[in-house]
Amino acid sequence: EWARPDLSPGFIHVMAAGRERVDDKQPS
């Protein structure tokens, strides 16, 4: 997980089982 604690949603990039998960990813 990569995140920015000051943003909501705070996830920047999430990988699981070698694939990116785009759920709740920061739109910008």
mmCIF file of all heavy atoms, coordinates in Angstrom:
data_MODEL
# 
_entry.id   MODEL 
# 
loop_
_atom_site.group_PDB 
_atom_site.id 
_atom_site.type_symbol 
_atom_site.label_atom_id 
_atom_site.label_alt_id 
_atom_site.label_comp_id 
_atom_site.label_asym_id 
_atom_site.label_entity_id 
_atom_site.label_seq_id 
_atom_site.pdbx_PDB_ins_code 
_atom_site.Cartn_x 
_atom_site.Cartn_y 
_atom_site.Cartn_z 
_atom_site.occupancy 
_atom_site.B_iso_or_equiv 
_atom_site.pdbx_formal_charge 
_atom_site.auth_seq_id 
_atom_site.auth_comp_id 
_atom_site.auth_asym_id 
_atom_site.auth_atom_id 
_atom_site.pdbx_PDB_model_num 
ATOM 1   N N   . GLU A 1 1  ? 0.832   -1.208  0.000   1.00 0.00 ? 1  GLU A N   1 
ATOM 2   C CA  . GLU A 1 1  ? 0.000   0.000   0.000   1.00 0.00 ? 1  GLU A CA  1 
ATOM 3   C C   . GLU A 1 1  ? 0.869   1.262   0.000   1.00 0.00 ? 1  GLU A C   1 
ATOM 4   O O   . GLU A 1 1  ? 1.816   1.376   0.788   1.00 0.00 ? 1  GLU A O   1 
ATOM 5   C CB  . GLU A 1 1  ? -0.920  0.022   1.222   1.00 0.00 ? 1  GLU A CB  1 
ATOM 6   C CG  . GLU A 1 1  ? -1.915  -1.119  1.273   1.00 0.00 ? 1  GLU A CG  1 
ATOM 7   C CD  . GLU A 1 1  ? -2.779  -1.077  2.509   1.00 0.00 ? 1  GLU A CD  1 
ATOM 8   O OE1 . GLU A 1 1  ? -2.583  -0.152  3.348   1.00 0.00 ? 1  GLU A OE1 1 
ATOM 9   O OE2 . GLU A 1 1  ? -3.647  -1.953  2.647   1.00 0.00 ? 1  GLU A OE2 1 
ATOM 10  N N   . TRP A 1 2  ? 0.507   2.180   -0.889  1.00 0.00 ? 2  TRP A N   1 
ATOM 11  C CA  . TRP A 1 2  ? 1.055   3.529   -0.872  1.00 0.00 ? 2  TRP A CA  1 
ATOM 12  C C   . TRP A 1 2  ? -0.104  4.482   -0.599  1.00 0.00 ? 2  TRP A C   1 
ATOM 13  O O   . TRP A 1 2  ? -1.172  4.379   -1.220  1.00 0.00 ? 2  TRP A O   1 
ATOM 14  C CB  . TRP A 1 2  ? 1.705   3.881   -2.201  1.00 0.00 ? 2  TRP A CB  1 
ATOM 15  C CG  . TRP A 1 2  ? 3.100   3.344   -2.344  1.00 0.00 ? 2  TRP A CG  1 
ATOM 16  C CD1 . TRP A 1 2  ? 3.471   2.132   -2.834  1.00 0.00 ? 2  TRP A CD1 1 
ATOM 17  C CD2 . TRP A 1 2  ? 4.301   4.015   -1.976  1.00 0.00 ? 2  TRP A CD2 1 
ATOM 18  N NE1 . TRP A 1 2  ? 4.827   1.994   -2.816  1.00 0.00 ? 2  TRP A NE1 1 
ATOM 19  C CE2 . TRP A 1 2  ? 5.373   3.145   -2.296  1.00 0.00 ? 2  TRP A CE2 1 
ATOM 20  C CE3 . TRP A 1 2  ? 4.592   5.263   -1.434  1.00 0.00 ? 2  TRP A CE3 1 
ATOM 21  C CZ2 . TRP A 1 2  ? 6.711   3.477   -2.072  1.00 0.00 ? 2  TRP A CZ2 1 
ATOM 22  C CZ3 . TRP A 1 2  ? 5.926   5.609   -1.209  1.00 0.00 ? 2  TRP A CZ3 1 
ATOM 23  C CH2 . TRP A 1 2  ? 6.967   4.722   -1.524  1.00 0.00 ? 2  TRP A CH2 1 
ATOM 24  N N   . ALA A 1 3  ? 0.106   5.424   0.330   1.00 0.00 ? 3  ALA A N   1 
ATOM 25  C CA  . ALA A 1 3  ? -0.995  6.305   0.707   1.00 0.00 ? 3  ALA A CA  1 
ATOM 26  C C   . ALA A 1 3  ? -0.480  7.688   1.087   1.00 0.00 ? 3  ALA A C   1 
ATOM 27  O O   . ALA A 1 3  ? 0.714   7.887   1.354   1.00 0.00 ? 3  ALA A O   1 
ATOM 28  C CB  . ALA A 1 3  ? -1.783  5.702   1.867   1.00 0.00 ? 3  ALA A CB  1 
ATOM 29  N N   . ARG A 1 4  ? -1.407  8.656   1.081   1.00 0.00 ? 4  ARG A N   1 
ATOM 30  C CA  . ARG A 1 4  ? -1.160  10.006  1.602   1.00 0.00 ? 4  ARG A CA  1 
ATOM 31  C C   . ARG A 1 4  ? -2.110  10.218  2.776   1.00 0.00 ? 4  ARG A C   1 
ATOM 32  O O   . ARG A 1 4  ? -3.325  10.348  2.589   1.00 0.00 ? 4  ARG A O   1 
ATOM 33  C CB  . ARG A 1 4  ? -1.432  11.068  0.532   1.00 0.00 ? 4  ARG A CB  1 
ATOM 34  C CG  . ARG A 1 4  ? -0.358  11.188  -0.508  1.00 0.00 ? 4  ARG A CG  1 
ATOM 35  C CD  . ARG A 1 4  ? 0.375   12.494  -0.584  1.00 0.00 ? 4  ARG A CD  1 
ATOM 36  N NE  . ARG A 1 4  ? -0.252  13.699  -0.153  1.00 0.00 ? 4  ARG A NE  1 
ATOM 37  C CZ  . ARG A 1 4  ? -0.527  14.739  -0.959  1.00 0.00 ? 4  ARG A CZ  1 
ATOM 38  N NH1 . ARG A 1 4  ? -0.293  14.650  -2.257  1.00 0.00 ? 4  ARG A NH1 1 
ATOM 39  N NH2 . ARG A 1 4  ? -1.028  15.835  -0.470  1.00 0.00 ? 4  ARG A NH2 1 
ATOM 40  N N   . PRO A 1 5  ? -1.588  10.235  4.005   1.00 0.00 ? 5  PRO A N   1 
ATOM 41  C CA  . PRO A 1 5  ? -2.457  10.362  5.181   1.00 0.00 ? 5  PRO A CA  1 
ATOM 42  C C   . PRO A 1 5  ? -3.308  11.625  5.191   1.00 0.00 ? 5  PRO A C   1 
ATOM 43  O O   . PRO A 1 5  ? -4.344  11.667  5.862   1.00 0.00 ? 5  PRO A O   1 
ATOM 44  C CB  . PRO A 1 5  ? -1.460  10.354  6.351   1.00 0.00 ? 5  PRO A CB  1 
ATOM 45  C CG  . PRO A 1 5  ? -0.245  9.672   5.812   1.00 0.00 ? 5  PRO A CG  1 
ATOM 46  C CD  . PRO A 1 5  ? -0.180  10.058  4.364   1.00 0.00 ? 5  PRO A CD  1 
ATOM 47  N N   . ASP A 1 6  ? -2.883  12.674  4.460   1.00 0.00 ? 6  ASP A N   1 
ATOM 48  C CA  . ASP A 1 6  ? -3.606  13.942  4.491   1.00 0.00 ? 6  ASP A CA  1 
ATOM 49  C C   . ASP A 1 6  ? -4.757  13.998  3.487   1.00 0.00 ? 6  ASP A C   1 
ATOM 50  O O   . ASP A 1 6  ? -5.472  15.004  3.428   1.00 0.00 ? 6  ASP A O   1 
ATOM 51  C CB  . ASP A 1 6  ? -2.647  15.103  4.231   1.00 0.00 ? 6  ASP A CB  1 
ATOM 52  C CG  . ASP A 1 6  ? -1.955  14.986  2.877   1.00 0.00 ? 6  ASP A CG  1 
ATOM 53  O OD1 . ASP A 1 6  ? -1.599  13.859  2.485   1.00 0.00 ? 6  ASP A OD1 1 
ATOM 54  O OD2 . ASP A 1 6  ? -1.780  16.020  2.204   1.00 0.00 ? 6  ASP A OD2 1 
ATOM 55  N N   . LEU A 1 7  ? -4.934  12.956  2.687   1.00 0.00 ? 7  LEU A N   1 
ATOM 56  C CA  . LEU A 1 7  ? -5.995  12.943  1.680   1.00 0.00 ? 7  LEU A CA  1 
ATOM 57  C C   . LEU A 1 7  ? -7.095  11.954  2.047   1.00 0.00 ? 7  LEU A C   1 
ATOM 58  O O   . LEU A 1 7  ? -6.879  11.031  2.836   1.00 0.00 ? 7  LEU A O   1 
ATOM 59  C CB  . LEU A 1 7  ? -5.418  12.589  0.300   1.00 0.00 ? 7  LEU A CB  1 
ATOM 60  C CG  . LEU A 1 7  ? -4.358  13.520  -0.285  1.00 0.00 ? 7  LEU A CG  1 
ATOM 61  C CD1 . LEU A 1 7  ? -3.919  13.013  -1.656  1.00 0.00 ? 7  LEU A CD1 1 
ATOM 62  C CD2 . LEU A 1 7  ? -4.885  14.946  -0.384  1.00 0.00 ? 7  LEU A CD2 1 
ATOM 63  N N   . SER A 1 8  ? -8.248  12.148  1.436   1.00 0.00 ? 8  SER A N   1 
ATOM 64  C CA  . SER A 1 8  ? -9.358  11.211  1.628   1.00 0.00 ? 8  SER A CA  1 
ATOM 65  C C   . SER A 1 8  ? -10.109 11.059  0.301   1.00 0.00 ? 8  SER A C   1 
ATOM 66  O O   . SER A 1 8  ? -10.661 12.045  -0.202  1.00 0.00 ? 8  SER A O   1 
ATOM 67  C CB  . SER A 1 8  ? -10.314 11.720  2.716   1.00 0.00 ? 8  SER A CB  1 
ATOM 68  O OG  . SER A 1 8  ? -11.376 10.818  2.906   1.00 0.00 ? 8  SER A OG  1 
ATOM 69  N N   . PRO A 1 9  ? -10.140 9.867   -0.296  1.00 0.00 ? 9  PRO A N   1 
ATOM 70  C CA  . PRO A 1 9  ? -9.426  8.667   0.173   1.00 0.00 ? 9  PRO A CA  1 
ATOM 71  C C   . PRO A 1 9  ? -7.925  8.832   0.052   1.00 0.00 ? 9  PRO A C   1 
ATOM 72  O O   . PRO A 1 9  ? -7.438  9.564   -0.803  1.00 0.00 ? 9  PRO A O   1 
ATOM 73  C CB  . PRO A 1 9  ? -9.946  7.574   -0.756  1.00 0.00 ? 9  PRO A CB  1 
ATOM 74  C CG  . PRO A 1 9  ? -10.325 8.307   -2.012  1.00 0.00 ? 9  PRO A CG  1 
ATOM 75  C CD  . PRO A 1 9  ? -10.848 9.634   -1.573  1.00 0.00 ? 9  PRO A CD  1 
ATOM 76  N N   . GLY A 1 10 ? -7.217  8.129   0.924   1.00 0.00 ? 10 GLY A N   1 
ATOM 77  C CA  . GLY A 1 10 ? -5.774  8.332   1.007   1.00 0.00 ? 10 GLY A CA  1 
ATOM 78  C C   . GLY A 1 10 ? -4.930  7.376   0.197   1.00 0.00 ? 10 GLY A C   1 
ATOM 79  O O   . GLY A 1 10 ? -3.730  7.588   0.067   1.00 0.00 ? 10 GLY A O   1 
ATOM 80  N N   . PHE A 1 11 ? -5.544  6.320   -0.383  1.00 0.00 ? 11 PHE A N   1 
ATOM 81  C CA  . PHE A 1 11 ? -4.747  5.362   -1.139  1.00 0.00 ? 11 PHE A CA  1 
ATOM 82  C C   . PHE A 1 11 ? -4.271  5.968   -2.463  1.00 0.00 ? 11 PHE A C   1 
ATOM 83  O O   . PHE A 1 11 ? -5.065  6.515   -3.236  1.00 0.00 ? 11 PHE A O   1 
ATOM 84  C CB  . PHE A 1 11 ? -5.539  4.090   -1.415  1.00 0.00 ? 11 PHE A CB  1 
ATOM 85  C CG  . PHE A 1 11 ? -5.737  3.232   -0.201  1.00 0.00 ? 11 PHE A CG  1 
ATOM 86  C CD1 . PHE A 1 11 ? -7.011  2.933   0.256   1.00 0.00 ? 11 PHE A CD1 1 
ATOM 87  C CD2 . PHE A 1 11 ? -4.642  2.728   0.486   1.00 0.00 ? 11 PHE A CD2 1 
ATOM 88  C CE1 . PHE A 1 11 ? -7.187  2.144   1.383   1.00 0.00 ? 11 PHE A CE1 1 
ATOM 89  C CE2 . PHE A 1 11 ? -4.820  1.930   1.614   1.00 0.00 ? 11 PHE A CE2 1 
ATOM 90  C CZ  . PHE A 1 11 ? -6.084  1.649   2.070   1.00 0.00 ? 11 PHE A CZ  1 
ATOM 91  N N   . ILE A 1 12 ? -2.954  5.839   -2.717  1.00 0.00 ? 12 ILE A N   1 
ATOM 92  C CA  . ILE A 1 12 ? -2.351  6.310   -3.954  1.00 0.00 ? 12 ILE A CA  1 
ATOM 93  C C   . ILE A 1 12 ? -2.156  5.147   -4.924  1.00 0.00 ? 12 ILE A C   1 
ATOM 94  O O   . ILE A 1 12 ? -2.422  5.259   -6.116  1.00 0.00 ? 12 ILE A O   1 
ATOM 95  C CB  . ILE A 1 12 ? -0.993  6.985   -3.669  1.00 0.00 ? 12 ILE A CB  1 
ATOM 96  C CG1 . ILE A 1 12 ? -1.164  8.123   -2.665  1.00 0.00 ? 12 ILE A CG1 1 
ATOM 97  C CG2 . ILE A 1 12 ? -0.380  7.520   -4.959  1.00 0.00 ? 12 ILE A CG2 1 
ATOM 98  C CD1 . ILE A 1 12 ? -2.188  9.158   -3.070  1.00 0.00 ? 12 ILE A CD1 1 
ATOM 99  N N   . HIS A 1 13 ? -1.685  4.032   -4.371  1.00 0.00 ? 13 HIS A N   1 
ATOM 100 C CA  . HIS A 1 13 ? -1.464  2.833   -5.190  1.00 0.00 ? 13 HIS A CA  1 
ATOM 101 C C   . HIS A 1 13 ? -1.500  1.615   -4.272  1.00 0.00 ? 13 HIS A C   1 
ATOM 102 O O   . HIS A 1 13 ? -0.821  1.605   -3.229  1.00 0.00 ? 13 HIS A O   1 
ATOM 103 C CB  . HIS A 1 13 ? -0.112  2.908   -5.912  1.00 0.00 ? 13 HIS A CB  1 
ATOM 104 C CG  . HIS A 1 13 ? 0.056   1.901   -6.996  1.00 0.00 ? 13 HIS A CG  1 
ATOM 105 N ND1 . HIS A 1 13 ? -0.234  2.178   -8.320  1.00 0.00 ? 13 HIS A ND1 1 
ATOM 106 C CD2 . HIS A 1 13 ? 0.482   0.610   -6.980  1.00 0.00 ? 13 HIS A CD2 1 
ATOM 107 C CE1 . HIS A 1 13 ? 0.011   1.111   -9.066  1.00 0.00 ? 13 HIS A CE1 1 
ATOM 108 N NE2 . HIS A 1 13 ? 0.442   0.145   -8.264  1.00 0.00 ? 13 HIS A NE2 1 
ATOM 109 N N   . VAL A 1 14 ? -2.250  0.598   -4.668  1.00 0.00 ? 14 VAL A N   1 
ATOM 110 C CA  . VAL A 1 14 ? -2.364  -0.628  -3.880  1.00 0.00 ? 14 VAL A CA  1 
ATOM 111 C C   . VAL A 1 14 ? -2.122  -1.823  -4.793  1.00 0.00 ? 14 VAL A C   1 
ATOM 112 O O   . VAL A 1 14 ? -2.735  -1.939  -5.858  1.00 0.00 ? 14 VAL A O   1 
ATOM 113 C CB  . VAL A 1 14 ? -3.752  -0.752  -3.208  1.00 0.00 ? 14 VAL A CB  1 
ATOM 114 C CG1 . VAL A 1 14 ? -3.855  -2.082  -2.455  1.00 0.00 ? 14 VAL A CG1 1 
ATOM 115 C CG2 . VAL A 1 14 ? -3.991  0.420   -2.268  1.00 0.00 ? 14 VAL A CG2 1 
ATOM 116 N N   . MET A 1 15 ? -1.222  -2.713  -4.358  1.00 0.00 ? 15 MET A N   1 
ATOM 117 C CA  . MET A 1 15 ? -0.938  -3.954  -5.083  1.00 0.00 ? 15 MET A CA  1 
ATOM 118 C C   . MET A 1 15 ? -1.346  -5.139  -4.227  1.00 0.00 ? 15 MET A C   1 
ATOM 119 O O   . MET A 1 15 ? -1.075  -5.176  -3.023  1.00 0.00 ? 15 MET A O   1 
ATOM 120 C CB  . MET A 1 15 ? 0.557   -4.054  -5.408  1.00 0.00 ? 15 MET A CB  1 
ATOM 121 C CG  . MET A 1 15 ? 1.051   -3.063  -6.444  1.00 0.00 ? 15 MET A CG  1 
ATOM 122 S SD  . MET A 1 15 ? 0.643   -3.542  -8.135  1.00 0.00 ? 15 MET A SD  1 
ATOM 123 C CE  . MET A 1 15 ? 1.731   -4.947  -8.353  1.00 0.00 ? 15 MET A CE  1 
ATOM 124 N N   . ALA A 1 16 ? -1.987  -6.142  -4.846  1.00 0.00 ? 16 ALA A N   1 
ATOM 125 C CA  . ALA A 1 16 ? -2.364  -7.376  -4.157  1.00 0.00 ? 16 ALA A CA  1 
ATOM 126 C C   . ALA A 1 16 ? -2.214  -8.524  -5.142  1.00 0.00 ? 16 ALA A C   1 
ATOM 127 O O   . ALA A 1 16 ? -2.773  -8.470  -6.244  1.00 0.00 ? 16 ALA A O   1 
ATOM 128 C CB  . ALA A 1 16 ? -3.789  -7.297  -3.628  1.00 0.00 ? 16 ALA A CB  1 
ATOM 129 N N   . ALA A 1 17 ? -1.435  -9.534  -4.752  1.00 0.00 ? 17 ALA A N   1 
ATOM 130 C CA  . ALA A 1 17 ? -1.183  -10.690 -5.617  1.00 0.00 ? 17 ALA A CA  1 
ATOM 131 C C   . ALA A 1 17 ? -0.626  -10.260 -6.969  1.00 0.00 ? 17 ALA A C   1 
ATOM 132 O O   . ALA A 1 17 ? -0.959  -10.829 -8.001  1.00 0.00 ? 17 ALA A O   1 
ATOM 133 C CB  . ALA A 1 17 ? -2.456  -11.509 -5.797  1.00 0.00 ? 17 ALA A CB  1 
ATOM 134 N N   . GLY A 1 18 ? 0.224   -9.232  -6.960  1.00 0.00 ? 18 GLY A N   1 
ATOM 135 C CA  . GLY A 1 18 ? 0.885   -8.802  -8.181  1.00 0.00 ? 18 GLY A CA  1 
ATOM 136 C C   . GLY A 1 18 ? 0.051   -7.936  -9.093  1.00 0.00 ? 18 GLY A C   1 
ATOM 137 O O   . GLY A 1 18 ? 0.498   -7.579  -10.196 1.00 0.00 ? 18 GLY A O   1 
ATOM 138 N N   . ARG A 1 19 ? -1.143  -7.526  -8.663  1.00 0.00 ? 19 ARG A N   1 
ATOM 139 C CA  . ARG A 1 19 ? -2.006  -6.682  -9.491  1.00 0.00 ? 19 ARG A CA  1 
ATOM 140 C C   . ARG A 1 19 ? -2.436  -5.440  -8.735  1.00 0.00 ? 19 ARG A C   1 
ATOM 141 O O   . ARG A 1 19 ? -2.610  -5.464  -7.508  1.00 0.00 ? 19 ARG A O   1 
ATOM 142 C CB  . ARG A 1 19 ? -3.250  -7.455  -9.937  1.00 0.00 ? 19 ARG A CB  1 
ATOM 143 C CG  . ARG A 1 19 ? -2.945  -8.627  -10.880 1.00 0.00 ? 19 ARG A CG  1 
ATOM 144 C CD  . ARG A 1 19 ? -4.239  -9.260  -11.361 1.00 0.00 ? 19 ARG A CD  1 
ATOM 145 N NE  . ARG A 1 19 ? -3.974  -10.345 -12.312 1.00 0.00 ? 19 ARG A NE  1 
ATOM 146 C CZ  . ARG A 1 19 ? -4.934  -11.048 -12.904 1.00 0.00 ? 19 ARG A CZ  1 
ATOM 147 N NH1 . ARG A 1 19 ? -6.213  -10.778 -12.639 1.00 0.00 ? 19 ARG A NH1 1 
ATOM 148 N NH2 . ARG A 1 19 ? -4.613  -12.015 -13.744 1.00 0.00 ? 19 ARG A NH2 1 
ATOM 149 N N   . GLU A 1 20 ? -2.642  -4.373  -9.494  1.00 0.00 ? 20 GLU A N   1 
ATOM 150 C CA  . GLU A 1 20 ? -3.081  -3.131  -8.861  1.00 0.00 ? 20 GLU A CA  1 
ATOM 151 C C   . GLU A 1 20 ? -4.559  -3.187  -8.521  1.00 0.00 ? 20 GLU A C   1 
ATOM 152 O O   . GLU A 1 20 ? -5.378  -3.664  -9.308  1.00 0.00 ? 20 GLU A O   1 
ATOM 153 C CB  . GLU A 1 20 ? -2.809  -1.925  -9.771  1.00 0.00 ? 20 GLU A CB  1 
ATOM 154 C CG  . GLU A 1 20 ? -3.212  -0.598  -9.128  1.00 0.00 ? 20 GLU A CG  1 
ATOM 155 C CD  . GLU A 1 20 ? -3.069  0.606   -10.034 1.00 0.00 ? 20 GLU A CD  1 
ATOM 156 O OE1 . GLU A 1 20 ? -2.649  0.420   -11.193 1.00 0.00 ? 20 GLU A OE1 1 
ATOM 157 O OE2 . GLU A 1 20 ? -3.382  1.723   -9.584  1.00 0.00 ? 20 GLU A OE2 1 
ATOM 158 N N   . ARG A 1 21 ? -4.896  -2.672  -7.356  1.00 0.00 ? 21 ARG A N   1 
ATOM 159 C CA  . ARG A 1 21 ? -6.289  -2.524  -6.926  1.00 0.00 ? 21 ARG A CA  1 
ATOM 160 C C   . ARG A 1 21 ? -6.640  -1.039  -6.969  1.00 0.00 ? 21 ARG A C   1 
ATOM 161 O O   . ARG A 1 21 ? -5.947  -0.217  -6.359  1.00 0.00 ? 21 ARG A O   1 
ATOM 162 C CB  . ARG A 1 21 ? -6.464  -3.055  -5.505  1.00 0.00 ? 21 ARG A CB  1 
ATOM 163 C CG  . ARG A 1 21 ? -6.079  -4.526  -5.333  1.00 0.00 ? 21 ARG A CG  1 
ATOM 164 C CD  . ARG A 1 21 ? -7.124  -5.425  -5.965  1.00 0.00 ? 21 ARG A CD  1 
ATOM 165 N NE  . ARG A 1 21 ? -8.419  -5.260  -5.335  1.00 0.00 ? 21 ARG A NE  1 
ATOM 166 C CZ  . ARG A 1 21 ? -8.806  -5.943  -4.236  1.00 0.00 ? 21 ARG A CZ  1 
ATOM 167 N NH1 . ARG A 1 21 ? -7.969  -6.821  -3.673  1.00 0.00 ? 21 ARG A NH1 1 
ATOM 168 N NH2 . ARG A 1 21 ? -10.004 -5.762  -3.727  1.00 0.00 ? 21 ARG A NH2 1 
ATOM 169 N N   . VAL A 1 22 ? -7.683  -0.714  -7.698  1.00 0.00 ? 22 VAL A N   1 
ATOM 170 C CA  . VAL A 1 22 ? -8.035  0.696   -7.870  1.00 0.00 ? 22 VAL A CA  1 
ATOM 171 C C   . VAL A 1 22 ? -9.184  1.126   -6.964  1.00 0.00 ? 22 VAL A C   1 
ATOM 172 O O   . VAL A 1 22 ? -9.651  2.267   -7.037  1.00 0.00 ? 22 VAL A O   1 
ATOM 173 C CB  . VAL A 1 22 ? -8.407  0.981   -9.344  1.00 0.00 ? 22 VAL A CB  1 
ATOM 174 C CG1 . VAL A 1 22 ? -7.200  0.785   -10.232 1.00 0.00 ? 22 VAL A CG1 1 
ATOM 175 C CG2 . VAL A 1 22 ? -9.572  0.094   -9.794  1.00 0.00 ? 22 VAL A CG2 1 
ATOM 176 N N   . ASP A 1 23 ? -9.653  0.233   -6.102  1.00 0.00 ? 23 ASP A N   1 
ATOM 177 C CA  . ASP A 1 23 ? -10.737 0.582   -5.184  1.00 0.00 ? 23 ASP A CA  1 
ATOM 178 C C   . ASP A 1 23 ? -10.285 1.673   -4.224  1.00 0.00 ? 23 ASP A C   1 
ATOM 179 O O   . ASP A 1 23 ? -9.216  1.587   -3.607  1.00 0.00 ? 23 ASP A O   1 
ATOM 180 C CB  . ASP A 1 23 ? -11.179 -0.641  -4.372  1.00 0.00 ? 23 ASP A CB  1 
ATOM 181 C CG  . ASP A 1 23 ? -11.677 -1.772  -5.266  1.00 0.00 ? 23 ASP A CG  1 
ATOM 182 O OD1 . ASP A 1 23 ? -11.986 -1.485  -6.433  1.00 0.00 ? 23 ASP A OD1 1 
ATOM 183 O OD2 . ASP A 1 23 ? -11.728 -2.920  -4.795  1.00 0.00 ? 23 ASP A OD2 1 
ATOM 184 N N   . ASP A 1 24 ? -11.104 2.706   -4.113  1.00 0.00 ? 24 ASP A N   1 
ATOM 185 C CA  . ASP A 1 24 ? -10.849 3.819   -3.178  1.00 0.00 ? 24 ASP A CA  1 
ATOM 186 C C   . ASP A 1 24 ? -9.529  4.539   -3.457  1.00 0.00 ? 24 ASP A C   1 
ATOM 187 O O   . ASP A 1 24 ? -8.918  5.124   -2.561  1.00 0.00 ? 24 ASP A O   1 
ATOM 188 C CB  . ASP A 1 24 ? -10.851 3.321   -1.729  1.00 0.00 ? 24 ASP A CB  1 
ATOM 189 C CG  . ASP A 1 24 ? -12.200 2.754   -1.306  1.00 0.00 ? 24 ASP A CG  1 
ATOM 190 O OD1 . ASP A 1 24 ? -13.219 3.270   -1.787  1.00 0.00 ? 24 ASP A OD1 1 
ATOM 191 O OD2 . ASP A 1 24 ? -12.205 1.789   -0.522  1.00 0.00 ? 24 ASP A OD2 1 
ATOM 192 N N   . LYS A 1 25 ? -9.081  4.507   -4.691  1.00 0.00 ? 25 LYS A N   1 
ATOM 193 C CA  . LYS A 1 25 ? -7.844  5.207   -5.033  1.00 0.00 ? 25 LYS A CA  1 
ATOM 194 C C   . LYS A 1 25 ? -8.118  6.697   -5.209  1.00 0.00 ? 25 LYS A C   1 
ATOM 195 O O   . LYS A 1 25 ? -9.150  7.089   -5.756  1.00 0.00 ? 25 LYS A O   1 
ATOM 196 C CB  . LYS A 1 25 ? -7.237  4.632   -6.319  1.00 0.00 ? 25 LYS A CB  1 
ATOM 197 C CG  . LYS A 1 25 ? -5.922  5.291   -6.727  1.00 0.00 ? 25 LYS A CG  1 
ATOM 198 C CD  . LYS A 1 25 ? -5.292  4.592   -7.911  1.00 0.00 ? 25 LYS A CD  1 
ATOM 199 C CE  . LYS A 1 25 ? -3.954  5.225   -8.264  1.00 0.00 ? 25 LYS A CE  1 
ATOM 200 N NZ  . LYS A 1 25 ? -3.266  4.530   -9.368  1.00 0.00 ? 25 LYS A NZ  1 
ATOM 201 N N   . GLN A 1 26 ? -7.206  7.514   -4.745  1.00 0.00 ? 26 GLN A N   1 
ATOM 202 C CA  . GLN A 1 26 ? -7.324  8.968   -4.889  1.00 0.00 ? 26 GLN A CA  1 
ATOM 203 C C   . GLN A 1 26 ? -7.416  9.320   -6.373  1.00 0.00 ? 26 GLN A C   1 
ATOM 204 O O   . GLN A 1 26 ? -6.509  9.008   -7.154  1.00 0.00 ? 26 GLN A O   1 
ATOM 205 C CB  . GLN A 1 26 ? -6.118  9.646   -4.242  1.00 0.00 ? 26 GLN A CB  1 
ATOM 206 C CG  . GLN A 1 26 ? -6.043  11.140  -4.434  1.00 0.00 ? 26 GLN A CG  1 
ATOM 207 C CD  . GLN A 1 26 ? -7.247  11.879  -3.878  1.00 0.00 ? 26 GLN A CD  1 
ATOM 208 O OE1 . GLN A 1 26 ? -7.828  12.691  -4.563  1.00 0.00 ? 26 GLN A OE1 1 
ATOM 209 N NE2 . GLN A 1 26 ? -7.626  11.562  -2.640  1.00 0.00 ? 26 GLN A NE2 1 
ATOM 210 N N   . PRO A 1 27 ? -8.514  9.975   -6.814  1.00 0.00 ? 27 PRO A N   1 
ATOM 211 C CA  . PRO A 1 27 ? -8.719  10.254  -8.252  1.00 0.00 ? 27 PRO A CA  1 
ATOM 212 C C   . PRO A 1 27 ? -7.586  11.027  -8.912  1.00 0.00 ? 27 PRO A C   1 
ATOM 213 O O   . PRO A 1 27 ? -7.275  10.801  -10.078 1.00 0.00 ? 27 PRO A O   1 
ATOM 214 C CB  . PRO A 1 27 ? -10.021 11.060  -8.265  1.00 0.00 ? 27 PRO A CB  1 
ATOM 215 C CG  . PRO A 1 27 ? -10.733 10.657  -7.009  1.00 0.00 ? 27 PRO A CG  1 
ATOM 216 C CD  . PRO A 1 27 ? -9.656  10.415  -5.994  1.00 0.00 ? 27 PRO A CD  1 
ATOM 217 N N   . SER A 1 28 ? -6.959  11.946  -8.180  1.00 0.00 ? 28 SER A N   1 
ATOM 218 C CA  . SER A 1 28 ? -5.918  12.784  -8.791  1.00 0.00 ? 28 SER A CA  1 
ATOM 219 C C   . SER A 1 28 ? -4.665  11.986  -9.171  1.00 0.00 ? 28 SER A C   1 
ATOM 220 O O   . SER A 1 28 ? -3.802  12.493  -9.894  1.00 0.00 ? 28 SER A O   1 
ATOM 221 C CB  . SER A 1 28 ? -5.532  13.921  -7.842  1.00 0.00 ? 28 SER A CB  1 
ATOM 222 O OG  . SER A 1 28 ? -4.984  13.408  -6.640  1.00 0.00 ? 28 SER A OG  1 
# 
